[in-house]
Amino acid sequence: MVDNKIYYEIHKFSNFLLKVLSITDGMVVINNYLKNLYKENSFQNVCLAHDGVNIGEYKDISNYQFQPKKKEFNVVYTGSLFLWKGVNTLVDSLEYLPNNVKLIFVGGSDKYLVDFKKYTKDSKQKKRVTIVPHIPRKDLLHYLEIADVLVLPNSAKDKMSLYTSPIKMFEYMASQRPIVASNISSITEILSNKNSLLFEPDNAKDLADKIQKAVSLDCTKIVRQAHKDVKSFTWEKRVQNIKDFIQSTHNEQNICVE
């Protein structure tokens, strides 16, 4: 008799899939919100395994240096341009920021890129926004290098923000730059006021205030903390975590600890 077991990794909650998922021997999810949802629906073997990063890819990015007298500050966002990513709120924040703060968006394609370009074009601050469509990872490192601040502006208005474990969050942490991020549960499982600057989601004024703080204050302490913390979230450790979980279910243990 073959003792096959079924494991399934899922990145959102789906009532539709509950019956199908019930035949699995274990599930892998990427944040505590999802873990709790499935536990509440009688799934006991649930492994929490956040997304991660290959830290070695960022080894050549220079160390953070506080430069309060720079003539111009680059605030950088990397990733998709979906509305739930909060990219429009980031554009809106320019209204509350001095003219020497510029935004650089790196990523996006298809309809989402077209829609975002239109939104930016209609903004009074359009001259302060640079949009770079999706590029290879090796080219992305240049924009992380020139960044004074990295922003993770996820919206709280869409459930997708609750399901995520943003890969770019870990990439930001490995990049040794101040991070300004939305204060939502999926993000604050990893980020806190000790390793980032948190703002009220969908609040352009508060986002601007935190960006201003990031360029005005010496953020060495939080940058170093973020870089230390991200070492717990490598892809290698994630794989080992899931492997240990699968092995534990064979021993009738329902344990998965990052």
Protein backbone atom coordinates (compact mmCIF):
# COMPACT_ATOMS: atom_id res chain seq x y z
CA MET A 1 0.00 0.00 0.00
CA VAL A 2 1.36 3.41 -0.98
CA ASP A 3 1.16 5.99 1.79
CA ASN A 4 0.76 9.14 -0.30
CA LYS A 5 0.01 12.43 1.41
CA ILE A 6 -1.33 15.65 -0.07
CA TYR A 7 -0.11 19.13 0.91
CA TYR A 8 -1.41 22.36 -0.56
CA GLU A 9 -0.07 25.90 -0.39
CA ILE A 10 -2.75 28.60 -0.66
CA HIS A 11 -2.40 32.40 -0.64
CA LYS A 12 -6.01 33.41 -0.01
CA PHE A 13 -9.15 32.21 1.74
CA SER A 14 -11.80 30.49 -0.37
CA ASN A 15 -15.09 29.08 0.91
CA PHE A 16 -15.49 27.47 -2.49
CA LEU A 17 -12.36 25.35 -1.96
CA LEU A 18 -13.02 24.28 1.62
CA LYS A 19 -14.55 20.91 0.68
CA VAL A 20 -11.76 20.11 -1.77
CA LEU A 21 -9.08 21.20 0.69
CA SER A 22 -10.54 18.91 3.34
CA ILE A 23 -8.88 15.92 1.67
CA THR A 24 -5.39 17.36 2.20
CA ASP A 25 -3.05 16.19 4.94
CA GLY A 26 -1.72 19.68 5.49
CA MET A 27 -1.81 23.23 4.22
CA VAL A 28 0.80 25.98 3.90
CA VAL A 29 -0.24 29.63 4.24
CA ILE A 30 1.77 32.85 4.14
CA ASN A 31 0.44 34.83 7.11
CA ASN A 32 -1.32 34.49 10.46
CA TYR A 33 -4.60 35.91 9.17
CA LEU A 34 -4.94 33.01 6.71
CA LYS A 35 -3.77 30.49 9.26
CA ASN A 36 -6.44 31.60 11.72
CA LEU A 37 -9.17 31.58 9.06
CA TYR A 38 -8.47 28.00 8.09
CA LYS A 39 -8.11 26.91 11.71
CA GLU A 40 -11.54 28.41 12.38
CA ASN A 41 -12.84 26.19 9.57
CA SER A 42 -11.55 22.99 11.17
CA PHE A 43 -8.19 22.71 9.43
CA GLN A 44 -5.71 21.62 12.09
CA ASN A 45 -2.56 20.91 10.07
CA VAL A 46 -1.75 24.44 8.91
CA CYS A 47 1.82 25.61 8.44
CA LEU A 48 2.68 29.31 8.57
CA ALA A 49 5.51 30.07 6.14
CA HIS A 50 5.93 33.73 5.23
CA ASP A 51 7.44 34.63 1.89
CA GLY A 52 11.14 35.44 1.84
CA VAL A 53 14.18 36.75 0.06
CA ASN A 54 17.56 35.73 -1.31
CA ILE A 55 19.66 38.12 0.78
CA GLY A 56 22.75 37.47 -1.33
CA GLU A 57 21.17 39.29 -4.28
CA TYR A 58 21.38 42.55 -2.32
CA LYS A 59 24.94 42.27 -1.01
CA ASP A 60 26.30 44.91 -3.41
CA ILE A 61 23.83 47.63 -2.43
CA SER A 62 25.65 50.27 -0.39
CA ASN A 63 25.00 50.67 3.32
CA TYR A 64 22.45 53.26 4.41
CA GLN A 65 23.86 56.74 5.03
CA PHE A 66 21.88 59.59 6.54
CA GLN A 67 22.10 62.57 4.14
CA PRO A 68 19.76 65.34 5.37
CA LYS A 69 21.26 68.01 3.11
CA LYS A 70 20.66 66.25 -0.20
CA LYS A 71 19.14 68.48 -2.86
CA GLU A 72 16.72 65.76 -3.94
CA PHE A 73 15.28 62.65 -2.29
CA ASN A 74 14.19 59.53 -4.17
CA VAL A 75 11.17 57.72 -2.75
CA VAL A 76 10.96 54.34 -4.49
CA TYR A 77 8.17 51.81 -4.91
CA THR A 78 8.75 48.49 -6.65
CA GLY A 79 6.16 45.94 -7.73
CA SER A 80 2.73 45.64 -9.29
CA LEU A 81 0.42 48.61 -9.82
CA PHE A 82 -2.84 47.06 -8.62
CA LEU A 83 -5.09 49.51 -6.75
CA TRP A 84 -4.90 47.42 -3.56
CA LYS A 85 -1.17 48.02 -3.52
CA GLY A 86 -1.92 51.63 -2.55
CA VAL A 87 0.07 53.20 -5.37
CA ASN A 88 -2.48 55.99 -5.93
CA THR A 89 -2.22 56.99 -2.28
CA LEU A 90 1.53 57.26 -2.72
CA VAL A 91 1.06 59.64 -5.65
CA ASP A 92 -1.43 61.66 -3.59
CA SER A 93 1.12 62.01 -0.78
CA LEU A 94 3.24 64.31 -2.97
CA GLU A 95 0.74 67.10 -2.29
CA TYR A 96 2.02 67.20 1.29
CA LEU A 97 5.73 66.78 0.54
CA PRO A 98 8.34 69.40 -0.40
CA ASN A 99 9.30 69.75 -4.06
CA ASN A 100 12.68 68.07 -3.56
CA VAL A 101 10.96 64.74 -2.89
CA LYS A 102 10.48 62.67 -6.06
CA LEU A 103 8.65 59.38 -6.59
CA ILE A 104 9.97 56.50 -8.67
CA PHE A 105 7.66 53.57 -9.46
CA VAL A 106 9.35 50.47 -10.84
CA GLY A 107 7.10 47.72 -12.17
CA GLY A 108 3.65 47.21 -13.61
CA SER A 109 2.37 46.10 -16.99
CA ASP A 110 -0.71 45.83 -19.19
CA LYS A 111 -3.94 47.54 -18.14
CA TYR A 112 -2.67 48.34 -14.64
CA LEU A 113 0.28 50.27 -16.04
CA VAL A 114 -1.96 52.18 -18.46
CA ASP A 115 -4.45 53.06 -15.71
CA PHE A 116 -1.72 54.17 -13.33
CA LYS A 117 -0.07 56.35 -15.96
CA LYS A 118 -3.42 58.05 -16.53
CA TYR A 119 -3.91 58.60 -12.79
CA THR A 120 -0.44 60.12 -12.55
CA LYS A 121 -0.95 62.26 -15.64
CA ASP A 122 -4.08 63.75 -14.07
CA SER A 123 -2.21 64.58 -10.86
CA LYS A 124 -0.90 68.08 -10.19
CA GLN A 125 2.36 66.48 -9.11
CA LYS A 126 2.97 64.51 -12.33
CA LYS A 127 6.36 66.16 -12.99
CA ARG A 128 7.66 64.66 -9.76
CA VAL A 129 6.77 61.08 -10.71
CA THR A 130 8.90 58.68 -12.75
CA ILE A 131 7.37 55.40 -13.93
CA VAL A 132 9.64 52.56 -15.03
CA PRO A 133 7.71 49.56 -16.45
CA HIS A 134 8.62 46.03 -15.38
CA ILE A 135 12.36 45.40 -15.71
CA PRO A 136 14.74 42.45 -14.99
CA ARG A 137 15.72 41.99 -11.35
CA LYS A 138 19.37 42.89 -12.01
CA ASP A 139 18.25 46.30 -13.27
CA LEU A 140 15.90 46.77 -10.32
CA LEU A 141 18.89 46.82 -7.97
CA HIS A 142 19.91 50.20 -9.41
CA TYR A 143 16.70 51.81 -8.18
CA LEU A 144 17.07 50.26 -4.73
CA GLU A 145 20.59 51.68 -4.64
CA ILE A 146 19.47 55.26 -5.38
CA ALA A 147 16.49 55.09 -3.02
CA ASP A 148 16.40 57.28 0.07
CA VAL A 149 13.13 55.66 1.18
CA LEU A 150 11.31 52.48 0.13
CA VAL A 151 7.52 52.47 0.42
CA LEU A 152 5.00 49.66 0.93
CA PRO A 153 1.67 51.53 0.74
CA ASN A 154 -0.87 48.66 0.68
CA SER A 155 -4.51 49.68 0.94
CA ALA A 156 -6.77 48.47 3.75
CA LYS A 157 -9.82 48.71 1.48
CA ASP A 158 -9.27 45.36 -0.25
CA LYS A 159 -9.10 41.89 1.31
CA MET A 160 -6.11 41.07 -0.85
CA SER A 161 -4.00 43.18 1.49
CA LEU A 162 -4.97 40.85 4.33
CA TYR A 163 -3.90 37.73 2.43
CA THR A 164 -0.45 38.90 1.39
CA SER A 165 3.07 38.40 2.65
CA PRO A 166 4.76 40.90 0.33
CA ILE A 167 7.98 39.63 -1.20
CA LYS A 168 9.04 43.24 -1.74
CA MET A 169 8.81 43.82 2.01
CA PHE A 170 11.61 41.31 2.54
CA GLU A 171 13.52 42.71 -0.45
CA TYR A 172 13.24 46.19 1.05
CA MET A 173 14.54 44.91 4.40
CA ALA A 174 17.54 43.36 2.65
CA SER A 175 18.23 46.60 0.76
CA GLN A 176 19.30 48.60 3.82
CA ARG A 177 17.06 51.60 3.26
CA PRO A 178 14.39 53.17 5.50
CA ILE A 179 11.00 51.55 4.94
CA VAL A 180 7.66 53.33 5.19
CA ALA A 181 4.79 50.83 5.26
CA SER A 182 1.04 50.54 5.81
CA ASN A 183 0.00 49.64 9.32
CA ILE A 184 -2.03 46.56 8.37
CA SER A 185 -1.87 43.14 9.99
CA SER A 186 -0.27 41.24 7.10
CA ILE A 187 2.63 43.70 7.13
CA THR A 188 2.97 44.23 10.88
CA GLU A 189 3.53 40.51 11.38
CA ILE A 190 7.03 41.39 10.17
CA LEU A 191 7.43 45.17 10.34
CA SER A 192 7.06 47.36 13.41
CA ASN A 193 8.15 50.77 14.65
CA LYS A 194 11.48 49.15 15.51
CA ASN A 195 12.40 48.32 11.92
CA SER A 196 10.26 50.69 9.82
CA LEU A 197 7.98 53.71 9.87
CA LEU A 198 4.30 52.75 9.83
CA PHE A 199 1.50 54.96 8.50
CA GLU A 200 -2.29 54.81 8.53
CA PRO A 201 -3.29 52.95 5.34
CA ASP A 202 -5.02 55.00 2.61
CA ASN A 203 -4.06 58.23 4.42
CA ALA A 204 -1.93 60.29 2.01
CA LYS A 205 -1.17 62.96 4.62
CA ASP A 206 0.08 60.47 7.19
CA LEU A 207 2.08 58.69 4.50
CA ALA A 208 3.70 62.02 3.57
CA ASP A 209 4.47 62.73 7.23
CA LYS A 210 6.27 59.39 7.60
CA ILE A 211 8.21 59.88 4.35
CA GLN A 212 9.26 63.32 5.55
CA LYS A 213 10.40 61.80 8.82
CA ALA A 214 12.37 59.11 6.96
CA VAL A 215 14.38 61.71 5.01
CA SER A 216 14.74 64.16 7.91
CA LEU A 217 15.87 61.81 10.70
CA ASP A 218 18.78 59.41 10.99
CA CYS A 219 17.16 56.00 10.40
CA THR A 220 20.30 53.94 10.95
CA LYS A 221 18.82 52.08 13.92
CA ILE A 222 15.64 50.91 12.17
CA VAL A 223 17.50 50.07 8.96
CA ARG A 224 19.94 47.87 10.83
CA GLN A 225 17.11 46.19 12.72
CA ALA A 226 15.25 45.43 9.49
CA HIS A 227 18.40 43.97 7.95
CA LYS A 228 18.93 41.81 11.04
CA ASP A 229 15.29 40.68 11.11
CA VAL A 230 15.16 39.67 7.44
CA LYS A 231 17.82 37.01 8.04
CA SER A 232 15.03 34.90 9.54
CA PHE A 233 13.11 35.01 6.25
CA THR A 234 15.39 33.51 3.62
CA TRP A 235 13.95 31.13 1.03
CA GLU A 236 16.21 28.40 2.43
CA LYS A 237 14.67 28.76 5.89
CA ARG A 238 11.20 28.77 4.39
CA VAL A 239 11.88 25.49 2.58
CA GLN A 240 13.25 23.93 5.76
CA ASN A 241 10.20 25.12 7.69
CA ILE A 242 7.80 23.48 5.23
CA LYS A 243 9.91 20.31 5.08
CA ASP A 244 9.84 20.04 8.89
CA PHE A 245 6.06 20.53 8.82
CA ILE A 246 5.53 17.73 6.30
CA GLN A 247 7.75 15.39 8.29
CA SER A 248 5.92 16.29 11.51
CA THR A 249 2.55 15.27 10.07
CA HIS A 250 3.94 11.79 9.44
CA ASN A 251 4.71 11.69 13.15
CA GLU A 252 1.20 12.94 13.96
CA GLN A 253 2.45 16.33 15.20
CA ASN A 254 0.67 19.51 14.11
CA ILE A 255 3.57 21.89 14.48
CA CYS A 256 5.03 24.52 12.17
CA VAL A 257 7.20 27.24 13.67
CA GLU A 258 9.16 29.82 11.72
